[in-house]
Amino acid sequence: MAALRRVSAERSGRLSWLVFSLFVCQCHGGCAEVDSMTEAVAGRGFLLGCISCKTREEVPARATVDWHFRPPGEEDFMHIFHYDHPTADILHEDFSLRLEWRGTEDADIQTGAVYMHNVTFNDTGTYRCTFHRTLFLSLSAEHVAVEKEVELTVVAVANRELAAVISEIMMYVLITFLQLWLIAVLVYCYKKIWDEHEIREARKAQKAQAALLESKDTCDGVQLE
């Protein structure tokens, strides 16, 4: 059942990332790793997505999540956020009061998403999400670290998704094709009806001509008598 939910979640795609993240937070058995979106609009909010699923769901675990940020042209990352359930700490003044935890509300974290309010152009850069997870195995504890990076671009106006543009183009192409097909069908039907009409008129003319000839022959026979 967990495998079926995992496949279904992967097919949902990036457009439903936020809805999926909320689902994962409430249902640990349906975890699936989905990439974060990479384009934000200035003045709006943006969800920095980060998911790291446990390899063995039956093993109890505890995790913490750290977010780091590196502006374009810089070499070093700055530590901006730390989450250790239930405490969330914003660690850099540039992000003060702008970051909100949207990940798993439990010590066994699998979704480490952070929502950024009031995005600015200065937020363009590389974001690194790090999971520090401790697996409580039967013999001893195992520590695992997982890192994921998000290349974020901030734009003034939202760019339309390529899939949406292609869908709209295909819709107009399909409408145009259907209109041309309908016109072709109407022309074909009209031509077929006209041809049948011409054939009927020709048959009527032939019958009238034959009747006229027969009438003429009858008249000629009467005169001969």
N, C-alpha and C. Protein backbone atom coordinates (compact mmCIF):
# COMPACT_ATOMS: atom_id res chain seq x y z
N MET A 1 0.83 -1.20 0.00
CA MET A 1 0.00 0.00 0.00
C MET A 1 0.87 1.25 0.00
N ALA A 2 1.98 1.23 0.81
CA ALA A 2 2.87 2.39 0.83
C ALA A 2 3.53 2.62 -0.51
N ALA A 3 3.86 1.51 -1.22
CA ALA A 3 4.48 1.64 -2.54
C ALA A 3 3.52 2.27 -3.53
N LEU A 4 2.24 1.88 -3.45
CA LEU A 4 1.25 2.46 -4.36
C LEU A 4 1.08 3.94 -4.11
N ARG A 5 1.06 4.35 -2.83
CA ARG A 5 0.94 5.77 -2.52
C ARG A 5 2.17 6.54 -3.00
N ARG A 6 3.35 5.89 -2.92
CA ARG A 6 4.58 6.56 -3.35
C ARG A 6 4.54 6.84 -4.85
N VAL A 7 4.11 5.86 -5.66
CA VAL A 7 4.02 6.05 -7.11
C VAL A 7 3.00 7.13 -7.45
N SER A 8 1.87 7.09 -6.76
CA SER A 8 0.82 8.09 -7.02
C SER A 8 1.32 9.49 -6.71
N ALA A 9 2.07 9.65 -5.62
CA ALA A 9 2.56 10.97 -5.24
C ALA A 9 3.59 11.50 -6.22
N GLU A 10 4.46 10.59 -6.75
CA GLU A 10 5.47 11.02 -7.71
C GLU A 10 4.84 11.53 -8.99
N ARG A 11 3.69 10.98 -9.37
CA ARG A 11 3.03 11.39 -10.60
C ARG A 11 2.30 12.71 -10.45
N SER A 12 2.11 13.17 -9.24
CA SER A 12 1.37 14.42 -9.04
C SER A 12 2.13 15.63 -9.56
N GLY A 13 3.51 15.56 -9.55
CA GLY A 13 4.31 16.63 -10.16
C GLY A 13 4.51 17.84 -9.28
N ARG A 14 5.29 18.78 -9.81
CA ARG A 14 5.66 19.97 -9.07
C ARG A 14 4.49 20.91 -8.83
N LEU A 15 3.49 20.91 -9.70
CA LEU A 15 2.38 21.85 -9.56
C LEU A 15 1.58 21.61 -8.30
N SER A 16 1.58 20.37 -7.79
CA SER A 16 0.82 20.07 -6.57
C SER A 16 1.74 19.84 -5.38
N TRP A 17 2.92 20.50 -5.40
CA TRP A 17 3.93 20.24 -4.37
C TRP A 17 3.43 20.60 -2.99
N LEU A 18 2.78 21.76 -2.84
CA LEU A 18 2.35 22.21 -1.53
C LEU A 18 1.30 21.28 -0.95
N VAL A 19 0.32 20.89 -1.77
CA VAL A 19 -0.72 19.98 -1.29
C VAL A 19 -0.12 18.65 -0.89
N PHE A 20 0.82 18.19 -1.69
CA PHE A 20 1.47 16.92 -1.39
C PHE A 20 2.26 17.00 -0.10
N SER A 21 2.96 18.12 0.13
CA SER A 21 3.77 18.28 1.33
C SER A 21 2.90 18.20 2.58
N LEU A 22 1.74 18.85 2.53
CA LEU A 22 0.83 18.80 3.67
C LEU A 22 0.36 17.37 3.91
N PHE A 23 0.14 16.63 2.84
CA PHE A 23 -0.28 15.24 2.97
C PHE A 23 0.82 14.41 3.62
N VAL A 24 2.06 14.63 3.20
CA VAL A 24 3.17 13.87 3.75
C VAL A 24 3.32 14.13 5.24
N CYS A 25 3.10 15.38 5.63
CA CYS A 25 3.25 15.73 7.04
C CYS A 25 2.28 14.93 7.90
N GLN A 26 1.12 14.61 7.37
CA GLN A 26 0.10 13.93 8.15
C GLN A 26 0.15 12.42 7.99
N CYS A 27 0.85 11.96 6.98
CA CYS A 27 0.86 10.51 6.73
C CYS A 27 2.29 10.08 6.42
N HIS A 28 3.01 9.60 7.42
CA HIS A 28 4.43 9.29 7.25
C HIS A 28 4.64 8.10 6.32
N GLY A 29 3.65 7.24 6.17
CA GLY A 29 3.82 6.07 5.33
C GLY A 29 3.78 6.38 3.86
N GLY A 30 3.43 7.61 3.45
CA GLY A 30 3.31 7.93 2.04
C GLY A 30 4.37 8.89 1.57
N CYS A 31 5.57 8.81 2.12
CA CYS A 31 6.63 9.76 1.78
C CYS A 31 7.17 9.49 0.38
N ALA A 32 7.37 10.56 -0.37
CA ALA A 32 8.00 10.48 -1.70
C ALA A 32 8.76 11.77 -1.93
N GLU A 33 9.96 11.66 -2.44
CA GLU A 33 10.82 12.83 -2.61
C GLU A 33 10.48 13.56 -3.91
N VAL A 34 10.12 14.84 -3.77
CA VAL A 34 9.74 15.69 -4.90
C VAL A 34 10.61 16.94 -4.88
N ASP A 35 11.10 17.34 -6.04
CA ASP A 35 11.95 18.53 -6.11
C ASP A 35 11.16 19.80 -5.84
N SER A 36 11.84 20.78 -5.27
CA SER A 36 11.22 22.07 -5.00
C SER A 36 11.08 22.87 -6.29
N MET A 37 10.13 23.79 -6.31
CA MET A 37 10.05 24.74 -7.41
C MET A 37 11.23 25.70 -7.31
N THR A 38 11.59 26.34 -8.41
CA THR A 38 12.83 27.12 -8.43
C THR A 38 12.64 28.57 -8.87
N GLU A 39 11.40 29.03 -8.97
CA GLU A 39 11.16 30.41 -9.39
C GLU A 39 10.13 31.06 -8.47
N ALA A 40 10.51 32.20 -7.90
CA ALA A 40 9.63 32.94 -7.00
C ALA A 40 9.35 34.32 -7.60
N VAL A 41 8.24 34.93 -7.17
CA VAL A 41 7.85 36.25 -7.64
C VAL A 41 8.07 37.25 -6.52
N ALA A 42 8.74 38.34 -6.83
CA ALA A 42 9.03 39.36 -5.83
C ALA A 42 7.75 39.89 -5.20
N GLY A 43 7.77 40.03 -3.87
CA GLY A 43 6.62 40.54 -3.15
C GLY A 43 5.63 39.49 -2.73
N ARG A 44 5.79 38.27 -3.20
CA ARG A 44 4.90 37.18 -2.83
C ARG A 44 5.61 36.19 -1.92
N GLY A 45 4.88 35.15 -1.54
CA GLY A 45 5.46 34.09 -0.73
C GLY A 45 5.97 32.96 -1.60
N PHE A 46 6.84 32.14 -1.02
CA PHE A 46 7.41 31.02 -1.78
C PHE A 46 7.73 29.89 -0.81
N LEU A 47 7.44 28.64 -1.27
CA LEU A 47 7.71 27.46 -0.46
C LEU A 47 9.01 26.82 -0.90
N LEU A 48 10.00 26.84 -0.02
CA LEU A 48 11.25 26.13 -0.27
C LEU A 48 11.02 24.67 0.09
N GLY A 49 10.96 23.83 -0.91
CA GLY A 49 10.64 22.43 -0.67
C GLY A 49 11.86 21.58 -0.43
N CYS A 50 11.74 20.66 0.51
CA CYS A 50 12.84 19.74 0.79
C CYS A 50 12.26 18.50 1.46
N ILE A 51 12.43 17.33 0.85
CA ILE A 51 11.92 16.08 1.39
C ILE A 51 13.05 15.05 1.41
N SER A 52 13.18 14.36 2.54
CA SER A 52 14.13 13.26 2.65
C SER A 52 13.43 12.11 3.37
N CYS A 53 13.11 11.06 2.64
CA CYS A 53 12.37 9.94 3.20
C CYS A 53 13.31 8.94 3.88
N LYS A 54 12.82 8.32 4.92
CA LYS A 54 13.59 7.26 5.57
C LYS A 54 13.63 6.02 4.67
N THR A 55 14.75 5.33 4.69
CA THR A 55 14.87 4.12 3.89
C THR A 55 14.06 2.98 4.48
N ARG A 56 13.90 2.98 5.82
CA ARG A 56 13.12 1.94 6.47
C ARG A 56 12.11 2.61 7.39
N GLU A 57 10.85 2.57 7.01
CA GLU A 57 9.82 3.30 7.72
C GLU A 57 9.53 2.74 9.10
N GLU A 58 9.81 1.44 9.31
CA GLU A 58 9.47 0.85 10.59
C GLU A 58 10.47 1.22 11.69
N VAL A 59 11.60 1.82 11.31
CA VAL A 59 12.63 2.18 12.29
C VAL A 59 12.31 3.55 12.87
N PRO A 60 12.19 3.68 14.19
CA PRO A 60 11.96 5.00 14.79
C PRO A 60 13.17 5.89 14.57
N ALA A 61 12.93 7.18 14.43
CA ALA A 61 14.02 8.10 14.15
C ALA A 61 13.69 9.50 14.67
N ARG A 62 14.72 10.31 14.77
CA ARG A 62 14.56 11.72 15.11
C ARG A 62 15.46 12.51 14.18
N ALA A 63 14.98 13.66 13.72
CA ALA A 63 15.77 14.45 12.76
C ALA A 63 15.67 15.93 13.06
N THR A 64 16.69 16.64 12.64
CA THR A 64 16.68 18.10 12.66
C THR A 64 16.94 18.58 11.24
N VAL A 65 16.49 19.79 10.92
CA VAL A 65 16.66 20.35 9.58
C VAL A 65 17.31 21.71 9.67
N ASP A 66 18.31 21.93 8.81
CA ASP A 66 18.98 23.22 8.72
C ASP A 66 18.91 23.73 7.29
N TRP A 67 18.66 25.04 7.18
CA TRP A 67 18.67 25.70 5.88
C TRP A 67 19.82 26.71 5.84
N HIS A 68 20.57 26.66 4.73
CA HIS A 68 21.66 27.61 4.49
C HIS A 68 21.39 28.33 3.17
N PHE A 69 21.97 29.53 3.04
CA PHE A 69 21.74 30.34 1.84
C PHE A 69 23.08 30.91 1.37
N ARG A 70 23.26 30.87 0.03
CA ARG A 70 24.46 31.46 -0.59
C ARG A 70 24.04 32.37 -1.73
N PRO A 71 24.29 33.68 -1.61
CA PRO A 71 23.93 34.62 -2.69
C PRO A 71 24.80 34.36 -3.93
N PRO A 72 24.36 34.82 -5.09
CA PRO A 72 25.16 34.64 -6.31
C PRO A 72 26.52 35.32 -6.18
N GLY A 73 27.55 34.62 -6.63
CA GLY A 73 28.90 35.16 -6.58
C GLY A 73 29.63 34.92 -5.27
N GLU A 74 28.94 34.45 -4.24
CA GLU A 74 29.57 34.17 -2.95
C GLU A 74 30.03 32.71 -2.90
N GLU A 75 31.00 32.45 -2.03
CA GLU A 75 31.52 31.09 -1.90
C GLU A 75 30.95 30.37 -0.68
N ASP A 76 30.66 31.11 0.37
CA ASP A 76 30.24 30.50 1.62
C ASP A 76 28.73 30.61 1.82
N PHE A 77 28.18 29.58 2.44
CA PHE A 77 26.78 29.57 2.82
C PHE A 77 26.61 30.22 4.19
N MET A 78 25.49 30.90 4.37
CA MET A 78 25.13 31.45 5.68
C MET A 78 23.99 30.63 6.27
N HIS A 79 24.07 30.37 7.55
CA HIS A 79 23.05 29.58 8.25
C HIS A 79 21.85 30.47 8.53
N ILE A 80 20.68 30.11 7.97
CA ILE A 80 19.53 31.00 8.10
C ILE A 80 18.38 30.40 8.92
N PHE A 81 18.34 29.07 9.06
CA PHE A 81 17.17 28.48 9.73
C PHE A 81 17.55 27.14 10.33
N HIS A 82 16.96 26.85 11.50
CA HIS A 82 17.18 25.56 12.15
C HIS A 82 15.86 25.10 12.76
N TYR A 83 15.53 23.82 12.55
CA TYR A 83 14.31 23.27 13.13
C TYR A 83 14.64 21.99 13.89
N ASP A 84 14.27 21.99 15.16
CA ASP A 84 14.39 20.82 16.02
C ASP A 84 13.08 20.74 16.78
N HIS A 85 12.22 19.85 16.34
CA HIS A 85 10.84 19.80 16.83
C HIS A 85 10.76 19.92 18.35
N PRO A 86 9.94 20.84 18.84
CA PRO A 86 8.99 21.70 18.10
C PRO A 86 9.49 23.13 17.89
N THR A 87 10.81 23.33 17.99
CA THR A 87 11.36 24.68 17.97
C THR A 87 11.90 25.04 16.58
N ALA A 88 11.49 26.21 16.06
CA ALA A 88 12.00 26.72 14.78
C ALA A 88 12.71 28.04 15.06
N ASP A 89 13.97 28.15 14.58
CA ASP A 89 14.78 29.34 14.84
C ASP A 89 15.24 29.96 13.53
N ILE A 90 14.98 31.24 13.35
CA ILE A 90 15.52 32.01 12.22
C ILE A 90 16.85 32.59 12.67
N LEU A 91 17.93 32.29 11.95
CA LEU A 91 19.27 32.57 12.43
C LEU A 91 19.98 33.70 11.71
N HIS A 92 19.30 34.34 10.74
CA HIS A 92 19.94 35.45 10.02
C HIS A 92 18.96 36.60 9.92
N GLU A 93 19.48 37.81 10.16
CA GLU A 93 18.61 38.99 10.21
C GLU A 93 17.95 39.30 8.88
N ASP A 94 18.56 38.92 7.75
CA ASP A 94 17.95 39.18 6.45
C ASP A 94 16.64 38.41 6.27
N PHE A 95 16.47 37.34 7.04
CA PHE A 95 15.27 36.52 6.93
C PHE A 95 14.39 36.61 8.18
N SER A 96 14.67 37.60 9.00
CA SER A 96 13.92 37.76 10.23
C SER A 96 12.43 37.94 9.96
N LEU A 97 11.61 37.16 10.66
CA LEU A 97 10.15 37.21 10.56
C LEU A 97 9.63 36.84 9.17
N ARG A 98 10.49 36.27 8.33
CA ARG A 98 10.05 35.93 6.97
C ARG A 98 10.03 34.43 6.70
N LEU A 99 10.58 33.63 7.60
CA LEU A 99 10.61 32.19 7.39
C LEU A 99 9.65 31.50 8.35
N GLU A 100 8.91 30.54 7.80
CA GLU A 100 7.92 29.80 8.59
C GLU A 100 8.03 28.32 8.27
N TRP A 101 8.10 27.51 9.31
CA TRP A 101 8.21 26.07 9.14
C TRP A 101 6.94 25.49 8.55
N ARG A 102 7.06 24.74 7.44
CA ARG A 102 5.92 24.08 6.80
C ARG A 102 6.20 22.59 6.60
N GLY A 103 7.10 22.06 7.40
CA GLY A 103 7.46 20.66 7.25
C GLY A 103 6.71 19.77 8.21
N THR A 104 7.27 18.59 8.47
CA THR A 104 6.65 17.60 9.35
C THR A 104 6.56 18.13 10.77
N GLU A 105 5.37 18.07 11.35
CA GLU A 105 5.16 18.51 12.73
C GLU A 105 5.37 17.33 13.66
N ASP A 106 6.60 16.82 13.64
CA ASP A 106 6.93 15.65 14.46
C ASP A 106 8.45 15.54 14.52
N ALA A 107 8.94 14.84 15.52
CA ALA A 107 10.39 14.68 15.65
C ALA A 107 10.98 13.84 14.52
N ASP A 108 10.17 12.94 13.97
CA ASP A 108 10.63 12.10 12.86
C ASP A 108 10.35 12.85 11.56
N ILE A 109 11.20 13.81 11.23
CA ILE A 109 10.96 14.72 10.11
C ILE A 109 11.32 14.04 8.79
N GLN A 110 10.42 14.16 7.84
CA GLN A 110 10.71 13.71 6.48
C GLN A 110 10.49 14.84 5.47
N THR A 111 9.66 15.80 5.81
CA THR A 111 9.45 16.97 4.97
C THR A 111 10.01 18.20 5.68
N GLY A 112 11.03 18.81 5.09
CA GLY A 112 11.69 19.95 5.72
C GLY A 112 11.39 21.26 5.01
N ALA A 113 10.16 21.47 4.58
CA ALA A 113 9.80 22.65 3.81
C ALA A 113 9.73 23.89 4.69
N VAL A 114 10.16 25.02 4.11
CA VAL A 114 10.11 26.31 4.79
C VAL A 114 9.43 27.31 3.86
N TYR A 115 8.48 28.06 4.40
CA TYR A 115 7.78 29.07 3.61
C TYR A 115 8.42 30.43 3.84
N MET A 116 8.74 31.11 2.72
CA MET A 116 9.37 32.42 2.79
C MET A 116 8.34 33.50 2.43
N HIS A 117 8.10 34.42 3.35
CA HIS A 117 7.16 35.51 3.11
C HIS A 117 7.88 36.69 2.44
N ASN A 118 7.12 37.44 1.65
CA ASN A 118 7.61 38.70 1.06
C ASN A 118 8.99 38.52 0.40
N VAL A 119 9.02 37.72 -0.63
CA VAL A 119 10.27 37.45 -1.34
C VAL A 119 10.81 38.72 -1.99
N THR A 120 12.12 38.92 -1.92
CA THR A 120 12.78 40.05 -2.56
C THR A 120 13.79 39.54 -3.58
N PHE A 121 14.29 40.45 -4.42
CA PHE A 121 15.29 40.04 -5.42
C PHE A 121 16.59 39.61 -4.75
N ASN A 122 16.84 40.08 -3.53
CA ASN A 122 18.04 39.66 -2.81
C ASN A 122 17.98 38.21 -2.36
N ASP A 123 16.80 37.60 -2.47
CA ASP A 123 16.66 36.20 -2.07
C ASP A 123 17.09 35.24 -3.18
N THR A 124 17.45 35.77 -4.33
CA THR A 124 17.97 34.92 -5.41
C THR A 124 19.28 34.28 -4.97
N GLY A 125 19.42 32.99 -5.22
CA GLY A 125 20.65 32.31 -4.85
C GLY A 125 20.42 30.82 -4.64
N THR A 126 21.37 30.20 -3.94
CA THR A 126 21.33 28.76 -3.69
C THR A 126 20.95 28.50 -2.24
N TYR A 127 19.96 27.64 -2.05
CA TYR A 127 19.52 27.25 -0.72
C TYR A 127 19.87 25.78 -0.50
N ARG A 128 20.45 25.52 0.65
CA ARG A 128 20.83 24.14 0.98
C ARG A 128 20.03 23.67 2.19
N CYS A 129 19.38 22.55 2.00
CA CYS A 129 18.59 21.92 3.07
C CYS A 129 19.35 20.69 3.56
N THR A 130 19.57 20.60 4.87
CA THR A 130 20.32 19.48 5.43
C THR A 130 19.50 18.77 6.50
N PHE A 131 19.32 17.48 6.33
CA PHE A 131 18.68 16.63 7.33
C PHE A 131 19.76 15.93 8.16
N HIS A 132 19.69 16.07 9.45
CA HIS A 132 20.53 15.28 10.36
C HIS A 132 19.60 14.30 11.07
N ARG A 133 19.65 13.05 10.63
CA ARG A 133 18.70 12.06 11.14
C ARG A 133 19.42 11.00 11.96
N THR A 134 18.80 10.64 13.08
CA THR A 134 19.30 9.55 13.93
C THR A 134 18.29 8.41 13.89
N LEU A 135 18.75 7.26 13.42
CA LEU A 135 17.92 6.06 13.37
C LEU A 135 18.19 5.22 14.62
N PHE A 136 17.14 4.95 15.38
CA PHE A 136 17.28 4.19 16.61
C PHE A 136 17.12 2.70 16.30
N LEU A 137 18.24 2.07 15.92
CA LEU A 137 18.23 0.65 15.59
C LEU A 137 18.27 -0.19 16.86
N SER A 138 18.04 -1.48 16.72
CA SER A 138 17.96 -2.35 17.88
C SER A 138 19.29 -2.46 18.62
N LEU A 139 20.42 -2.45 17.88
CA LEU A 139 21.72 -2.60 18.50
C LEU A 139 22.35 -1.26 18.87
N SER A 140 22.24 -0.27 17.98
CA SER A 140 22.84 1.04 18.23
C SER A 140 22.16 2.08 17.35
N ALA A 141 22.43 3.33 17.64
CA ALA A 141 21.87 4.43 16.85
C ALA A 141 22.77 4.71 15.64
N GLU A 142 22.14 5.02 14.53
CA GLU A 142 22.88 5.35 13.31
C GLU A 142 22.56 6.78 12.89
N HIS A 143 23.59 7.57 12.62
CA HIS A 143 23.42 8.97 12.25
C HIS A 143 23.61 9.12 10.74
N VAL A 144 22.66 9.81 10.11
CA VAL A 144 22.67 10.00 8.66
C VAL A 144 22.47 11.47 8.37
N ALA A 145 23.23 12.00 7.41
CA ALA A 145 23.07 13.39 6.96
C ALA A 145 22.73 13.39 5.48
N VAL A 146 21.70 14.15 5.12
CA VAL A 146 21.26 14.25 3.73
C VAL A 146 21.18 15.72 3.36
N GLU A 147 21.80 16.10 2.23
CA GLU A 147 21.79 17.48 1.76
C GLU A 147 21.08 17.59 0.41
N LYS A 148 20.30 18.65 0.27
CA LYS A 148 19.63 18.94 -1.00
C LYS A 148 19.75 20.43 -1.26
N GLU A 149 19.91 20.80 -2.54
CA GLU A 149 20.07 22.22 -2.89
C GLU A 149 18.96 22.68 -3.83
N VAL A 150 18.58 23.94 -3.66
CA VAL A 150 17.55 24.56 -4.49
C VAL A 150 18.13 25.84 -5.08
N GLU A 151 18.16 25.95 -6.40
CA GLU A 151 18.61 27.16 -7.07
C GLU A 151 17.39 28.05 -7.31
N LEU A 152 17.27 29.11 -6.53
CA LEU A 152 16.09 29.96 -6.60
C LEU A 152 16.35 31.23 -7.41
N THR A 153 15.43 31.52 -8.32
CA THR A 153 15.46 32.74 -9.11
C THR A 153 14.23 33.57 -8.78
N VAL A 154 14.43 34.86 -8.50
CA VAL A 154 13.32 35.76 -8.18
C VAL A 154 13.06 36.64 -9.39
N VAL A 155 11.81 36.68 -9.82
CA VAL A 155 11.43 37.47 -11.00
C VAL A 155 10.34 38.46 -10.61
N ALA A 156 10.15 39.47 -11.47
CA ALA A 156 9.14 40.49 -11.20
C ALA A 156 7.74 39.98 -11.49
N VAL A 157 7.61 39.20 -12.55
CA VAL A 157 6.32 38.66 -12.96
C VAL A 157 6.47 37.16 -13.15
N ALA A 158 5.47 36.43 -12.72
CA ALA A 158 5.53 34.97 -12.82
C ALA A 158 5.56 34.54 -14.27
N ASN A 159 6.51 33.68 -14.60
CA ASN A 159 6.56 33.11 -15.93
C ASN A 159 5.59 31.94 -16.01
N ARG A 160 4.96 31.82 -17.15
CA ARG A 160 4.02 30.72 -17.32
C ARG A 160 4.77 29.41 -17.47
N GLU A 161 4.22 28.39 -16.86
CA GLU A 161 4.82 27.07 -16.98
C GLU A 161 4.79 26.59 -18.43
N LEU A 162 5.87 25.92 -18.83
CA LEU A 162 5.96 25.43 -20.20
C LEU A 162 4.80 24.48 -20.52
N ALA A 163 4.44 23.66 -19.54
CA ALA A 163 3.34 22.72 -19.77
C ALA A 163 2.03 23.46 -20.04
N ALA A 164 1.82 24.58 -19.32
CA ALA A 164 0.60 25.35 -19.52
C ALA A 164 0.59 25.99 -20.91
N VAL A 165 1.75 26.50 -21.33
CA VAL A 165 1.84 27.12 -22.66
C VAL A 165 1.59 26.08 -23.74
N ILE A 166 2.21 24.92 -23.60
CA ILE A 166 2.02 23.86 -24.59
C ILE A 166 0.56 23.41 -24.62
N SER A 167 -0.06 23.30 -23.44
CA SER A 167 -1.47 22.89 -23.38
C SER A 167 -2.36 23.89 -24.09
N GLU A 168 -2.08 25.18 -23.88
CA GLU A 168 -2.90 26.21 -24.52
C GLU A 168 -2.72 26.19 -26.03
N ILE A 169 -1.47 26.02 -26.48
CA ILE A 169 -1.21 25.93 -27.92
C ILE A 169 -1.94 24.73 -28.52
N MET A 170 -1.85 23.60 -27.83
CA MET A 170 -2.52 22.40 -28.33
C MET A 170 -4.03 22.58 -28.36
N MET A 171 -4.57 23.33 -27.38
CA MET A 171 -6.00 23.57 -27.37
C MET A 171 -6.43 24.37 -28.59
N TYR A 172 -5.67 25.44 -28.92
CA TYR A 172 -6.00 26.25 -30.10
C TYR A 172 -5.82 25.45 -31.39
N VAL A 173 -4.77 24.63 -31.44
CA VAL A 173 -4.56 23.79 -32.62
C VAL A 173 -5.73 22.83 -32.79
N LEU A 174 -6.16 22.23 -31.66
CA LEU A 174 -7.27 21.28 -31.72
C LEU A 174 -8.57 21.97 -32.15
N ILE A 175 -8.82 23.18 -31.63
CA ILE A 175 -10.03 23.92 -32.02
C ILE A 175 -9.99 24.25 -33.50
N THR A 176 -8.83 24.71 -33.99
CA THR A 176 -8.69 25.04 -35.42
C THR A 176 -8.89 23.79 -36.28
N PHE A 177 -8.28 22.68 -35.85
CA PHE A 177 -8.43 21.43 -36.60
C PHE A 177 -9.88 20.98 -36.65
N LEU A 178 -10.58 21.08 -35.52
CA LEU A 178 -11.98 20.67 -35.48
C LEU A 178 -12.85 21.55 -36.38
N GLN A 179 -12.54 22.87 -36.40
CA GLN A 179 -13.29 23.76 -37.27
C GLN A 179 -13.06 23.42 -38.73
N LEU A 180 -11.80 23.19 -39.10
CA LEU A 180 -11.50 22.82 -40.49
C LEU A 180 -12.15 21.48 -40.85
N TRP A 181 -12.10 20.54 -39.90
CA TRP A 181 -12.71 19.24 -40.14
C TRP A 181 -14.22 19.38 -40.32
N LEU A 182 -14.86 20.23 -39.52
CA LEU A 182 -16.29 20.45 -39.64
C LEU A 182 -16.64 21.07 -40.99
N ILE A 183 -15.83 22.05 -41.41
CA ILE A 183 -16.06 22.67 -42.73
C ILE A 183 -15.91 21.64 -43.84
N ALA A 184 -14.87 20.79 -43.72
CA ALA A 184 -14.66 19.76 -44.74
C ALA A 184 -15.83 18.78 -44.78
N VAL A 185 -16.35 18.41 -43.61
CA VAL A 185 -17.50 17.49 -43.56
C VAL A 185 -18.72 18.13 -44.19
N LEU A 186 -18.95 19.42 -43.89
CA LEU A 186 -20.10 20.12 -44.47
C LEU A 186 -19.98 20.20 -45.99
N VAL A 187 -18.78 20.52 -46.48
CA VAL A 187 -18.57 20.59 -47.93
C VAL A 187 -18.79 19.23 -48.57
N TYR A 188 -18.26 18.19 -47.93
CA TYR A 188 -18.43 16.83 -48.46
C TYR A 188 -19.90 16.44 -48.50
N CYS A 189 -20.61 16.71 -47.39
CA CYS A 189 -22.03 16.35 -47.35
C CYS A 189 -22.83 17.14 -48.38
N TYR A 190 -22.51 18.45 -48.49
CA TYR A 190 -23.21 19.26 -49.50
C TYR A 190 -22.96 18.73 -50.91
N LYS A 191 -21.69 18.40 -51.19
CA LYS A 191 -21.35 17.88 -52.52
C LYS A 191 -22.05 16.55 -52.79
N LYS A 192 -22.09 15.70 -51.75
CA LYS A 192 -22.74 14.40 -51.93
C LYS A 192 -24.24 14.58 -52.17
N ILE A 193 -24.87 15.47 -51.38
CA ILE A 193 -26.30 15.73 -51.58
C ILE A 193 -26.56 16.33 -52.96
N TRP A 194 -25.68 17.26 -53.40
CA TRP A 194 -25.85 17.88 -54.73
C TRP A 194 -25.69 16.85 -55.83
N ASP A 195 -24.70 15.96 -55.68
CA ASP A 195 -24.50 14.91 -56.70
C ASP A 195 -25.72 13.99 -56.77
N GLU A 196 -26.25 13.61 -55.61
CA GLU A 196 -27.45 12.77 -55.61
C GLU A 196 -28.63 13.50 -56.23
N HIS A 197 -28.72 14.80 -55.95
CA HIS A 197 -29.78 15.59 -56.57
C HIS A 197 -29.62 15.62 -58.08
N GLU A 198 -28.39 15.80 -58.56
CA GLU A 198 -28.13 15.82 -60.01
C GLU A 198 -28.49 14.47 -60.63
N ILE A 199 -28.16 13.38 -59.92
CA ILE A 199 -28.48 12.06 -60.45
C ILE A 199 -29.99 11.87 -60.54
N ARG A 200 -30.71 12.29 -59.48
CA ARG A 200 -32.17 12.18 -59.50
C ARG A 200 -32.78 13.01 -60.63
N GLU A 201 -32.27 14.22 -60.82
CA GLU A 201 -32.78 15.07 -61.90
C GLU A 201 -32.49 14.45 -63.27
N ALA A 202 -31.29 13.85 -63.39
CA ALA A 202 -30.95 13.21 -64.67
C ALA A 202 -31.87 12.02 -64.94
N ARG A 203 -32.18 11.24 -63.91
CA ARG A 203 -33.09 10.11 -64.07
C ARG A 203 -34.49 10.58 -64.44
N LYS A 204 -34.94 11.66 -63.78
CA LYS A 204 -36.25 12.21 -64.10
C LYS A 204 -36.30 12.67 -65.55
N ALA A 205 -35.20 13.32 -65.99
CA ALA A 205 -35.14 13.78 -67.38
C ALA A 205 -35.18 12.61 -68.35
N GLN A 206 -34.46 11.54 -68.02
CA GLN A 206 -34.45 10.36 -68.88
C GLN A 206 -35.84 9.72 -68.94
N LYS A 207 -36.49 9.62 -67.77
CA LYS A 207 -37.84 9.05 -67.75
C LYS A 207 -38.83 9.91 -68.54
N ALA A 208 -38.70 11.22 -68.38
CA ALA A 208 -39.59 12.13 -69.12
C ALA A 208 -39.35 12.01 -70.61
N GLN A 209 -38.06 11.92 -70.99
CA GLN A 209 -37.75 11.79 -72.42
C GLN A 209 -38.26 10.46 -72.97
N ALA A 210 -38.11 9.39 -72.18
CA ALA A 210 -38.60 8.08 -72.63
C ALA A 210 -40.11 8.08 -72.75
N ALA A 211 -40.78 8.72 -71.77
CA ALA A 211 -42.25 8.80 -71.83
C ALA A 211 -42.69 9.61 -73.03
N LEU A 212 -41.96 10.67 -73.36
CA LEU A 212 -42.29 11.50 -74.50
C LEU A 212 -42.13 10.73 -75.80
N LEU A 213 -41.03 9.97 -75.89
CA LEU A 213 -40.81 9.16 -77.09
C LEU A 213 -41.88 8.09 -77.23
N GLU A 214 -42.25 7.47 -76.11
CA GLU A 214 -43.29 6.44 -76.16
C GLU A 214 -44.63 7.04 -76.57
N SER A 215 -44.94 8.22 -76.04
CA SER A 215 -46.18 8.89 -76.41
C SER A 215 -46.18 9.24 -77.89
N LYS A 216 -45.02 9.67 -78.40
CA LYS A 216 -44.91 10.04 -79.81
C LYS A 216 -45.11 8.84 -80.71
N ASP A 217 -44.52 7.70 -80.30
CA ASP A 217 -44.69 6.48 -81.10
C ASP A 217 -46.15 6.06 -81.14
N THR A 218 -46.84 6.21 -80.02
CA THR A 218 -48.26 5.84 -79.96
C THR A 218 -49.10 6.75 -80.89
N CYS A 219 -48.78 8.01 -80.86
CA CYS A 219 -49.50 8.95 -81.73
C CYS A 219 -49.24 8.62 -83.20
N ASP A 220 -48.01 8.31 -83.52
CA ASP A 220 -47.68 7.97 -84.90
C ASP A 220 -48.45 6.72 -85.34
N GLY A 221 -48.60 5.74 -84.45
CA GLY A 221 -49.34 4.51 -84.78
C GLY A 221 -50.80 4.79 -85.04
N VAL A 222 -51.41 5.73 -84.29
CA VAL A 222 -52.80 6.09 -84.49
C VAL A 222 -53.00 6.76 -85.83
N GLN A 223 -52.09 7.58 -86.23
CA GLN A 223 -52.21 8.29 -87.50
C GLN A 223 -52.08 7.30 -88.66
N LEU A 224 -51.23 6.32 -88.50
CA LEU A 224 -51.07 5.36 -89.58
C LEU A 224 -52.34 4.55 -89.77
N GLU A 225 -53.05 4.21 -88.75
CA GLU A 225 -54.30 3.49 -88.88
C GLU A 225 -55.34 4.33 -89.58
